[in-house]
Amino acid sequence: MEITKKSRNQLRLQNIIFIILFSAIIGLLAWLSNKYYFESDWTRNNRNTLSDVSVKLLEKMPAAVKITTFIPDGNLAANSKYIKELVAKYQKYKEDISLEIINPDIDPDLVRQLKVTNYGEVVVEYQGRSEHITQLKEETLTNTLQRLLRQGERRLLFVSGHGERKPNGVANFDWGSFSEKLNIKGIRTELLALYETPDIPEAAAIVIASPQANFLPGEVKLIVDYVKAGGNLLWVHEPGQSMHGLQPLADYLGINFHPGTIVDPTAQMMNVKDPSFSIITNYPAHSITRDFQYISIFPRAVAIKHHAEDNNWLASAFLQTVPRSWSETGVLRGGIDYNADKDVVGPLTIGLSLTRKENAKNQDKTLAGKLKKQRIVILGDGDFLSNTYLGNQGNLNLGHNIINWISNDDNFISIPSSTAVDTQLNISDLMGAVIGLFFLIILPLALLAGGTWIWYKRRSA
C-alpha cells in the first residue's frame, strides 16, 4: 500500500479519534466505579464481610450510633486501620454510625467523662446509653449493640432449692454455658430461693428448670400468685417425673404431661441410636420459630397436653414431633414398638406457649394493662439447653428465641446467635513430630537429591 500525504493524515486522525474515545471510556469507567461498586468476599466464612446476624441487628436500630476509641499516638498507625475497616462494614448498612479516634493523652477531660480506664478502649453510645469494649471485633461490637438496643438489662430468676438445673453450673445437667451466652446479650441469670422471700422480685421471667424434689405448699402459692399477677414463666419438665407439688400451677395453666417418653423414628433415620431423642425440622407458625431454619434435638422429651376448655389462656404449640412419633410408656430397651392401648401417637407437643386472652374472665384486677404482655412457655425437655447438648444444631438459637419471647423482646427473636468457625487444627505430639520431620528434614533432602541428580544427568549428557 502506497503511503501518501492523504493516507498519513487519515491514519493520524484515526489515532486521535482512538485516543479520545479510549480516554472517554476510561473516564466513564472511573465515574461508574465511584457511583456503583461490586464486592465479593472469597475468604473462609466470609470473614471480611459483615455477618447476617449483624446486618439484621442494624436493620432494627433506628437511631444513630457513636463509636469512640482512645488510642495513643504510638499505637495509632497499627490500630486505626483495623478499626476503620471494621466500622466501615457496619457503616455500609447503617450510614449514621460515626467513628471518632481520640488520643487519650491530649483529651484527658473526655477520658474522665466517659470513664475510660485503658488504652484502646472503645465506647459505644446509642440513645443515651453506652457500653465499653476492650477488644473490638465483630462479635463483641454486635453483642454490645444488641445489649444497647435491648433498652435495659433483663433478669431471669431461676427457682432453686429442689435440685433444678443451675444457671451457673458446670455439670452436664446444668445450663451454665447457655447462661453465659445470655449474659453476653444483656440477660442476667440469678438464683431465686422461694423459701427466703415473701414475694418474687420483679424480673423478665422466672424459670423452673427440671426440679427433682417436691415444692413446699407455700412456694407453690408464691409461683401461682406470681402468674396470676401477670408474671412471665418458663417451666421445664422431664419425662418420668412427678409434678413435685406443682399440680396447682398446672391446673391454673390448664396443662398436663403425658406419661412416658417420646420416641421419634426420625432420629433413627439420622443414625441416632438412642430412641428417646426427638428431632424437629418443621415448626408450627409462631413468633418464637419465625424464620427459624435449624434442626433442633431434644434428648428424652415428654409430651405436653393442654386442656381445650376455656381457662383464660391462649395456647399455641411451637415445637411438635412428627406424626409417626409416640409417647412410649414402656421400658426404652431392646425392640420398641407402638402400643395402641398404652401409648399416645404423635404429633406430640414438647414446646407450648401460653398468653392471656384479651377477654379473659374472672381476671384479677391487678392484671390491668398486663394481660397482653404476659407470656408462659412450657417445655417437655431441658437437656437440649444443657452444657452437653447446647452446641447441637439449632438448640442455642432456639433457646435464645424462647428467652427473648418470654421477655417481650420480639425484636431479637429473628437474630440468630453468631458462632465462630473452628479453624484450629488439633494434632497429637506424635503427628506433630512426624510433620516436622517431613518438612524440616525429609523434604529438603529429597529436593537436594533431586537437584543433584538432575545436575549430574545434564553434565553427563
Protein backbone atom coordinates (compact mmCIF):
# COMPACT_ATOMS: atom_id res chain seq x y z
CA MET A 1 0.00 0.00 0.00
CA GLU A 2 1.38 3.37 -1.07
CA ILE A 3 1.75 5.87 1.78
CA THR A 4 0.56 9.27 0.68
CA LYS A 5 0.07 12.51 2.50
CA LYS A 6 -3.67 11.93 2.49
CA SER A 7 -3.41 8.41 3.95
CA ARG A 8 -0.94 9.64 6.53
CA ASN A 9 -3.42 12.32 7.66
CA GLN A 10 -6.21 9.76 7.80
CA LEU A 11 -4.09 7.47 9.94
CA ARG A 12 -3.19 10.37 12.23
CA LEU A 13 -6.90 11.30 12.51
CA GLN A 14 -7.80 7.70 13.35
CA ASN A 15 -5.19 7.66 16.10
CA ILE A 16 -6.52 10.91 17.55
CA ILE A 17 -10.11 9.63 17.48
CA PHE A 18 -8.99 6.38 19.12
CA ILE A 19 -7.18 8.24 21.90
CA ILE A 20 -10.22 10.48 22.50
CA LEU A 21 -12.65 7.54 22.61
CA PHE A 22 -10.31 5.47 24.78
CA SER A 23 -9.91 8.37 27.23
CA ALA A 24 -13.68 8.87 27.28
CA ILE A 25 -14.22 5.18 28.07
CA ILE A 26 -11.62 5.30 30.88
CA GLY A 27 -13.26 8.42 32.31
CA LEU A 28 -16.72 6.82 32.07
CA LEU A 29 -15.48 3.69 33.85
CA ALA A 30 -13.90 5.84 36.57
CA TRP A 31 -17.19 7.70 37.05
CA LEU A 32 -19.17 4.44 37.18
CA SER A 33 -16.72 2.94 39.69
CA ASN A 34 -17.30 5.89 42.04
CA LYS A 35 -21.08 5.66 41.76
CA TYR A 36 -21.52 1.91 41.62
CA TYR A 37 -19.39 -0.84 43.08
CA PHE A 38 -19.38 -4.59 43.46
CA GLU A 39 -17.73 -6.56 46.24
CA SER A 40 -17.15 -10.27 46.64
CA ASP A 41 -15.68 -11.96 49.69
CA TRP A 42 -13.99 -15.29 48.94
CA THR A 43 -12.41 -15.77 52.36
CA ARG A 44 -13.36 -18.66 54.63
CA ASN A 45 -16.64 -17.97 56.45
CA ASN A 46 -16.75 -14.55 54.68
CA ARG A 47 -14.68 -13.05 57.50
CA ASN A 48 -14.23 -9.78 55.58
CA THR A 49 -18.00 -9.31 55.22
CA LEU A 50 -20.47 -8.36 57.93
CA SER A 51 -22.46 -11.41 59.04
CA ASP A 52 -26.21 -11.73 58.54
CA VAL A 53 -26.61 -11.54 62.32
CA SER A 54 -25.07 -8.07 62.43
CA VAL A 55 -26.99 -6.88 59.36
CA LYS A 56 -30.33 -7.96 60.87
CA LEU A 57 -29.47 -6.16 64.10
CA LEU A 58 -28.58 -2.92 62.30
CA GLU A 59 -31.94 -3.02 60.49
CA LYS A 60 -33.67 -2.87 63.88
CA MET A 61 -31.71 0.18 65.12
CA PRO A 62 -33.47 3.42 64.10
CA ALA A 63 -31.22 5.89 65.96
CA ALA A 64 -27.61 6.90 65.35
CA VAL A 65 -24.66 5.05 66.85
CA LYS A 66 -21.49 6.77 68.02
CA ILE A 67 -18.25 4.83 68.42
CA THR A 68 -15.30 6.46 70.19
CA THR A 69 -11.96 4.74 70.61
CA PHE A 70 -8.99 6.00 72.61
CA ILE A 71 -5.63 5.23 71.03
CA PRO A 72 -2.34 6.99 71.86
CA ASP A 73 -0.13 8.27 69.04
CA GLY A 74 2.33 5.43 69.44
CA ASN A 75 -0.31 2.80 68.53
CA LEU A 76 -2.39 4.91 66.15
CA ALA A 77 -0.97 3.63 62.88
CA ALA A 78 -1.17 -0.01 63.92
CA ASN A 79 -4.75 0.01 65.26
CA SER A 80 -6.66 2.77 63.49
CA LYS A 81 -6.67 0.99 60.11
CA TYR A 82 -8.23 -2.16 61.56
CA ILE A 83 -10.84 -0.17 63.49
CA LYS A 84 -11.80 1.94 60.48
CA GLU A 85 -12.15 -1.15 58.29
CA LEU A 86 -14.34 -2.91 60.86
CA VAL A 87 -16.60 0.10 61.44
CA ALA A 88 -16.84 0.65 57.66
CA LYS A 89 -18.51 -2.75 57.36
CA TYR A 90 -21.25 -1.53 59.71
CA GLN A 91 -21.49 1.88 58.02
CA LYS A 92 -22.21 0.13 54.74
CA TYR A 93 -25.60 -0.96 56.16
CA LYS A 94 -26.16 1.92 58.59
CA GLU A 95 -24.86 5.29 57.48
CA ASP A 96 -25.47 7.10 60.79
CA ILE A 97 -22.71 5.19 62.58
CA SER A 98 -19.92 7.62 63.41
CA LEU A 99 -16.37 6.80 64.43
CA GLU A 100 -14.03 9.08 66.36
CA ILE A 101 -10.44 8.17 67.22
CA ILE A 102 -9.06 10.21 70.14
CA ASN A 103 -5.62 10.45 71.70
CA PRO A 104 -6.33 10.00 75.44
CA ASP A 105 -3.16 11.91 76.35
CA ILE A 106 -4.44 15.04 74.58
CA ASP A 107 -8.05 14.98 75.83
CA PRO A 108 -7.97 13.76 79.47
CA ASP A 109 -11.27 15.52 80.29
CA LEU A 110 -13.19 13.34 77.82
CA VAL A 111 -11.42 10.27 79.18
CA ARG A 112 -12.68 11.07 82.68
CA GLN A 113 -16.14 11.96 81.39
CA LEU A 114 -16.57 8.63 79.60
CA LYS A 115 -14.82 6.71 82.42
CA VAL A 116 -12.17 5.24 80.14
CA THR A 117 -9.51 3.29 82.03
CA ASN A 118 -7.35 1.62 79.36
CA TYR A 119 -5.64 2.47 76.10
CA GLY A 120 -7.52 1.05 73.13
CA GLU A 121 -10.85 1.09 74.97
CA VAL A 122 -13.93 1.64 72.80
CA VAL A 123 -17.09 3.43 73.93
CA VAL A 124 -20.30 2.66 72.01
CA GLU A 125 -23.22 5.07 72.54
CA TYR A 126 -26.84 4.61 71.46
CA GLN A 127 -29.95 6.52 72.54
CA GLY A 128 -28.32 7.93 75.67
CA ARG A 129 -26.84 4.61 76.81
CA SER A 130 -23.24 3.48 76.46
CA GLU A 131 -21.04 0.43 76.90
CA HIS A 132 -17.29 -0.10 76.91
CA ILE A 133 -15.36 -2.66 74.84
CA THR A 134 -11.75 -3.66 75.42
CA GLN A 135 -11.38 -5.99 72.42
CA LEU A 136 -13.01 -4.65 69.29
CA LYS A 137 -14.17 -7.26 66.80
CA GLU A 138 -17.45 -8.01 65.06
CA GLU A 139 -18.72 -10.44 67.68
CA THR A 140 -18.16 -8.08 70.62
CA LEU A 141 -19.42 -5.00 68.76
CA THR A 142 -22.61 -6.73 67.57
CA ASN A 143 -23.33 -8.11 71.05
CA THR A 144 -22.77 -4.63 72.51
CA LEU A 145 -25.19 -3.08 70.02
CA GLN A 146 -27.73 -5.77 70.86
CA ARG A 147 -27.49 -5.01 74.58
CA LEU A 148 -27.88 -1.27 73.92
CA LEU A 149 -30.90 -1.90 71.71
CA ARG A 150 -32.49 -4.05 74.39
CA GLN A 151 -33.14 -0.90 76.47
CA GLY A 152 -32.00 -2.13 79.84
CA GLU A 153 -30.71 -5.38 81.23
CA ARG A 154 -33.15 -8.26 81.54
CA ARG A 155 -33.14 -10.55 84.56
CA LEU A 156 -34.13 -14.22 84.68
CA LEU A 157 -34.74 -15.74 88.11
CA PHE A 158 -34.06 -19.48 88.33
CA VAL A 159 -36.01 -21.14 91.13
CA SER A 160 -33.59 -23.14 93.32
CA GLY A 161 -33.66 -25.50 96.24
CA HIS A 162 -35.29 -28.51 94.56
CA GLY A 163 -32.43 -29.98 92.51
CA GLU A 164 -33.11 -27.76 89.49
CA ARG A 165 -30.65 -27.15 86.68
CA LYS A 166 -28.28 -24.40 87.80
CA PRO A 167 -27.82 -21.38 85.53
CA ASN A 168 -24.21 -21.07 86.72
CA GLY A 169 -23.46 -24.79 86.98
CA VAL A 170 -20.75 -26.69 85.13
CA ALA A 171 -22.28 -30.16 85.34
CA ASN A 172 -23.60 -31.80 82.17
CA PHE A 173 -27.12 -31.38 83.54
CA ASP A 174 -26.81 -27.62 84.16
CA TRP A 175 -27.35 -24.56 81.95
CA GLY A 176 -24.05 -22.78 82.66
CA SER A 177 -22.98 -22.41 79.00
CA PHE A 178 -26.43 -21.16 77.99
CA SER A 179 -26.41 -18.59 80.80
CA GLU A 180 -23.03 -17.29 79.64
CA LYS A 181 -24.49 -16.71 76.18
CA LEU A 182 -27.48 -14.91 77.71
CA ASN A 183 -25.24 -12.68 79.85
CA ILE A 184 -23.33 -11.58 76.75
CA LYS A 185 -26.62 -10.43 75.23
CA GLY A 186 -27.71 -8.45 78.28
CA ILE A 187 -29.85 -11.08 80.03
CA ARG A 188 -28.67 -11.71 83.59
CA THR A 189 -29.45 -15.00 85.32
CA GLU A 190 -29.85 -15.27 89.09
CA LEU A 191 -30.95 -17.89 91.60
CA LEU A 192 -34.26 -17.45 93.41
CA ALA A 193 -34.84 -19.20 96.75
CA LEU A 194 -38.60 -19.05 97.30
CA TYR A 195 -38.27 -20.03 100.96
CA GLU A 196 -36.21 -16.88 101.63
CA THR A 197 -38.56 -14.28 100.15
CA PRO A 198 -42.21 -13.40 100.82
CA ASP A 199 -42.61 -12.06 97.27
CA ILE A 200 -41.00 -12.83 93.93
CA PRO A 201 -38.87 -9.83 92.81
CA GLU A 202 -39.57 -8.07 89.54
CA ALA A 203 -37.89 -9.83 86.62
CA ALA A 204 -38.35 -10.58 82.94
CA ALA A 205 -39.44 -14.10 83.92
CA ILE A 206 -38.88 -16.85 86.45
CA VAL A 207 -37.57 -20.26 85.38
CA ILE A 208 -38.50 -23.63 86.85
CA ALA A 209 -35.83 -25.85 85.29
CA SER A 210 -36.47 -29.57 85.85
CA PRO A 211 -36.95 -29.81 89.65
CA GLN A 212 -36.03 -33.13 91.30
CA ALA A 213 -37.71 -32.65 94.71
CA ASN A 214 -41.14 -31.54 95.93
CA PHE A 215 -42.03 -27.87 96.43
CA LEU A 216 -43.49 -26.73 99.71
CA PRO A 217 -47.14 -25.59 99.53
CA GLY A 218 -46.11 -22.03 100.35
CA GLU A 219 -43.62 -21.99 97.48
CA VAL A 220 -46.25 -23.22 95.03
CA LYS A 221 -48.62 -20.50 96.21
CA LEU A 222 -45.93 -17.85 95.59
CA ILE A 223 -45.49 -19.06 92.00
CA VAL A 224 -49.22 -19.27 91.30
CA ASP A 225 -49.78 -15.78 92.74
CA TYR A 226 -46.89 -14.50 90.61
CA VAL A 227 -48.51 -15.90 87.46
CA LYS A 228 -51.93 -14.58 88.49
CA ALA A 229 -50.38 -11.12 88.84
CA GLY A 230 -49.16 -11.21 85.21
CA GLY A 231 -45.64 -12.60 85.61
CA ASN A 232 -43.86 -14.46 82.81
CA LEU A 233 -42.75 -18.05 83.35
CA LEU A 234 -40.56 -20.73 81.75
CA TRP A 235 -41.41 -24.17 83.11
CA VAL A 236 -39.25 -27.15 82.09
CA HIS A 237 -40.48 -30.66 82.88
CA GLU A 238 -38.79 -34.03 82.28
CA PRO A 239 -40.28 -37.43 81.38
CA GLY A 240 -40.82 -39.98 84.12
CA GLN A 241 -41.05 -37.38 86.87
CA SER A 242 -43.90 -36.43 89.16
CA MET A 243 -45.25 -32.89 89.34
CA HIS A 244 -43.23 -32.35 92.55
CA GLY A 245 -46.10 -30.46 94.12
CA LEU A 246 -46.64 -28.15 91.13
CA GLN A 247 -50.03 -29.61 90.18
CA PRO A 248 -51.86 -26.40 91.33
CA LEU A 249 -49.74 -24.45 88.84
CA ALA A 250 -50.51 -26.96 86.10
CA ASP A 251 -54.23 -26.74 86.90
CA TYR A 252 -54.15 -22.96 86.76
CA LEU A 253 -52.39 -23.02 83.39
CA GLY A 254 -54.63 -25.78 82.07
CA ILE A 255 -51.81 -28.15 81.13
CA ASN A 256 -50.65 -31.64 81.95
CA PHE A 257 -47.99 -34.07 80.78
CA HIS A 258 -48.50 -37.40 79.01
CA PRO A 259 -46.95 -40.40 80.74
CA GLY A 260 -43.90 -41.91 79.10
CA THR A 261 -41.04 -40.69 76.91
CA ILE A 262 -41.35 -39.61 73.29
CA VAL A 263 -39.91 -41.99 70.70
CA ASP A 264 -39.14 -40.38 67.36
CA PRO A 265 -38.27 -42.61 64.35
CA THR A 266 -36.74 -39.56 62.67
CA ALA A 267 -33.76 -39.83 64.99
CA GLN A 268 -33.09 -43.40 63.88
CA MET A 269 -33.23 -42.33 60.23
CA MET A 270 -30.41 -39.88 61.04
CA ASN A 271 -28.30 -42.61 62.67
CA VAL A 272 -29.08 -41.55 66.24
CA LYS A 273 -29.10 -44.85 68.13
CA ASP A 274 -30.87 -43.60 71.26
CA PRO A 275 -34.63 -43.99 70.60
CA SER A 276 -35.50 -41.28 73.14
CA PHE A 277 -34.01 -38.49 71.01
CA SER A 278 -36.54 -36.30 69.22
CA ILE A 279 -35.51 -34.31 66.17
CA ILE A 280 -37.61 -31.40 64.92
CA THR A 281 -37.12 -30.00 61.44
CA ASN A 282 -40.51 -28.35 60.79
CA TYR A 283 -42.04 -25.80 63.14
CA PRO A 284 -45.62 -24.56 63.52
CA ALA A 285 -46.22 -20.89 62.80
CA HIS A 286 -45.21 -18.97 65.92
CA SER A 287 -43.24 -15.85 66.84
CA ILE A 288 -40.60 -17.99 68.57
CA THR A 289 -39.85 -20.02 65.45
CA ARG A 290 -40.37 -17.28 62.86
CA ASP A 291 -37.70 -17.64 60.13
CA PHE A 292 -36.12 -20.46 62.16
CA GLN A 293 -34.34 -22.79 59.74
CA TYR A 294 -32.30 -25.00 62.06
CA ILE A 295 -32.76 -28.56 63.23
CA SER A 296 -33.29 -28.88 66.99
CA ILE A 297 -32.52 -32.00 69.02
CA PHE A 298 -34.29 -32.99 72.24
CA PRO A 299 -32.94 -35.88 74.33
CA ARG A 300 -35.68 -37.61 76.40
CA ALA A 301 -38.69 -35.35 75.93
CA VAL A 302 -42.16 -35.60 77.44
CA ALA A 303 -45.36 -34.60 75.63
CA ILE A 304 -47.41 -31.65 76.89
CA LYS A 305 -51.20 -31.73 76.88
CA HIS A 306 -53.33 -28.58 77.02
CA HIS A 307 -56.95 -28.71 78.12
CA ALA A 308 -59.29 -27.47 75.42
CA GLU A 309 -61.78 -25.88 77.79
CA ASP A 310 -61.77 -22.13 78.35
CA ASN A 311 -59.29 -21.35 81.11
CA ASN A 312 -58.37 -17.76 80.17
CA TRP A 313 -55.25 -18.78 78.23
CA LEU A 314 -54.44 -18.89 74.54
CA ALA A 315 -52.28 -21.93 73.90
CA SER A 316 -50.04 -22.40 70.88
CA ALA A 317 -47.64 -25.27 70.17
CA PHE A 318 -44.32 -24.15 68.67
CA LEU A 319 -42.45 -27.47 68.98
CA GLN A 320 -44.11 -30.63 67.68
CA THR A 321 -42.81 -34.06 66.77
CA VAL A 322 -43.65 -35.87 63.54
CA PRO A 323 -46.95 -37.80 63.26
CA ARG A 324 -45.19 -41.20 63.35
CA SER A 325 -43.72 -40.48 66.80
CA TRP A 326 -45.36 -41.64 70.00
CA SER A 327 -45.10 -41.40 73.80
CA GLU A 328 -43.65 -44.72 74.96
CA THR A 329 -44.85 -45.82 78.40
CA GLY A 330 -42.76 -49.00 78.43
CA VAL A 331 -39.07 -49.52 79.05
CA LEU A 332 -36.79 -47.96 76.44
CA ARG A 333 -34.73 -51.06 75.89
CA GLY A 334 -34.48 -53.63 73.11
CA GLY A 335 -37.19 -53.61 70.46
CA ILE A 336 -39.62 -50.71 70.93
CA ASP A 337 -42.99 -50.75 69.20
CA TYR A 338 -46.07 -48.58 69.43
CA ASN A 339 -48.78 -49.98 71.70
CA ALA A 340 -52.18 -48.50 70.85
CA ASP A 341 -53.60 -49.47 74.25
CA LYS A 342 -50.96 -47.60 76.31
CA ASP A 343 -49.02 -45.20 74.13
CA VAL A 344 -50.09 -41.84 72.66
CA VAL A 345 -49.41 -41.34 68.97
CA GLY A 346 -47.96 -38.11 67.52
CA PRO A 347 -47.71 -35.39 66.56
CA LEU A 348 -46.84 -34.53 70.16
CA THR A 349 -46.20 -31.12 71.65
CA ILE A 350 -42.93 -30.59 73.52
CA GLY A 351 -42.97 -26.78 73.39
CA LEU A 352 -46.14 -24.88 74.34
CA SER A 353 -46.68 -21.13 74.73
CA LEU A 354 -49.50 -19.57 76.73
CA THR A 355 -50.75 -15.99 76.55
CA ARG A 356 -53.68 -14.32 78.20
CA LYS A 357 -56.88 -13.93 76.28
CA GLU A 358 -57.91 -10.29 75.90
CA ASN A 359 -61.43 -11.08 77.16
CA ALA A 360 -60.30 -13.36 79.98
CA LYS A 361 -62.98 -14.00 82.55
CA ASN A 362 -62.58 -13.72 86.29
CA GLN A 363 -59.42 -11.66 85.96
CA ASP A 364 -57.54 -10.32 88.93
CA LYS A 365 -57.93 -6.53 88.97
CA THR A 366 -54.16 -6.16 89.35
CA LEU A 367 -53.75 -7.53 85.81
CA ALA A 368 -55.00 -4.35 84.15
CA GLY A 369 -52.65 -3.47 81.30
CA LYS A 370 -50.53 -6.63 81.74
CA LEU A 371 -52.60 -9.37 80.09
CA LYS A 372 -51.48 -8.68 76.53
CA LYS A 373 -47.84 -8.93 77.58
CA GLN A 374 -47.94 -11.97 79.86
CA ARG A 375 -46.22 -14.98 78.35
CA ILE A 376 -45.69 -18.53 79.58
CA VAL A 377 -43.57 -21.26 77.96
CA ILE A 378 -43.81 -24.94 78.90
CA LEU A 379 -41.04 -27.25 77.68
CA GLY A 380 -41.04 -31.03 77.79
CA ASP A 381 -37.23 -31.27 77.82
CA GLY A 382 -34.43 -29.27 79.40
CA ASP A 383 -31.47 -31.30 78.17
CA PHE A 384 -31.41 -29.52 74.81
CA LEU A 385 -30.10 -26.38 76.57
CA SER A 386 -27.77 -28.22 78.94
CA ASN A 387 -24.00 -27.97 78.79
CA THR A 388 -23.89 -31.32 76.99
CA TYR A 389 -26.31 -30.66 74.13
CA LEU A 390 -26.35 -26.87 73.77
CA GLY A 391 -23.99 -26.90 70.77
CA ASN A 392 -26.09 -29.38 68.76
CA GLN A 393 -27.66 -27.94 65.60
CA GLY A 394 -30.02 -25.02 66.39
CA ASN A 395 -30.51 -25.63 70.13
CA LEU A 396 -28.72 -22.43 71.19
CA ASN A 397 -30.64 -20.24 68.74
CA LEU A 398 -33.94 -21.81 69.76
CA GLY A 399 -33.14 -21.20 73.42
CA HIS A 400 -32.39 -17.54 72.70
CA ASN A 401 -35.68 -17.18 70.83
CA ILE A 402 -37.62 -18.67 73.74
CA ILE A 403 -35.99 -16.36 76.28
CA ASN A 404 -36.45 -13.32 74.04
CA TRP A 405 -40.13 -14.16 73.57
CA ILE A 406 -40.99 -14.56 77.25
CA SER A 407 -39.00 -11.36 77.93
CA ASN A 408 -41.14 -9.49 75.36
CA ASP A 409 -38.05 -8.80 73.25
CA ASP A 410 -39.60 -9.81 69.94
CA ASN A 411 -37.09 -7.68 68.00
CA PHE A 412 -34.34 -10.19 68.82
CA ILE A 413 -36.20 -13.40 68.00
CA SER A 414 -35.11 -13.47 64.36
CA ILE A 415 -31.46 -12.64 65.18
CA PRO A 416 -29.56 -15.94 65.47
CA SER A 417 -26.53 -16.36 67.67
CA SER A 418 -23.23 -15.86 65.87
CA THR A 419 -20.69 -18.62 66.20
CA ALA A 420 -17.12 -18.61 65.00
CA VAL A 421 -15.88 -21.28 62.64
CA ASP A 422 -13.39 -23.62 64.27
CA THR A 423 -10.16 -23.04 62.35
CA GLN A 424 -7.88 -24.67 64.93
CA LEU A 425 -6.17 -27.93 63.98
CA ASN A 426 -5.65 -30.23 66.96
CA ILE A 427 -2.98 -32.90 66.40
CA SER A 428 -1.14 -35.26 68.71
CA ASP A 429 2.51 -34.82 69.71
CA LEU A 430 3.47 -37.82 67.55
CA MET A 431 1.77 -36.39 64.47
CA GLY A 432 3.41 -33.02 65.11
CA ALA A 433 6.82 -34.70 65.24
CA VAL A 434 6.12 -36.58 62.00
CA ILE A 435 5.04 -33.40 60.21
CA GLY A 436 8.09 -31.51 61.48
CA LEU A 437 10.43 -34.33 60.45
CA PHE A 438 8.92 -34.40 56.95
CA PHE A 439 9.06 -30.65 56.24
CA LEU A 440 12.34 -29.90 58.05
CA ILE A 441 14.45 -32.91 57.06
CA ILE A 442 12.92 -35.36 54.57
CA LEU A 443 11.54 -32.81 52.06
CA PRO A 444 14.72 -30.66 51.95
CA LEU A 445 16.87 -33.79 51.50
CA ALA A 446 14.56 -35.02 48.74
CA LEU A 447 14.79 -31.68 46.92
CA LEU A 448 18.59 -31.66 47.32
CA ALA A 449 18.86 -35.22 46.00
CA GLY A 450 16.59 -34.45 43.06
CA GLY A 451 18.54 -31.34 42.16
CA THR A 452 21.85 -33.22 42.39
CA TRP A 453 20.55 -36.00 40.15
CA ILE A 454 19.29 -33.53 37.51
CA TRP A 455 22.65 -31.68 37.60
CA TYR A 456 24.56 -34.95 37.17
CA LYS A 457 22.40 -36.12 34.25
CA ARG A 458 22.80 -32.81 32.41
CA ARG A 459 26.56 -32.80 32.91
CA SER A 460 26.87 -36.36 31.67
CA ALA A 461 24.85 -35.65 28.50
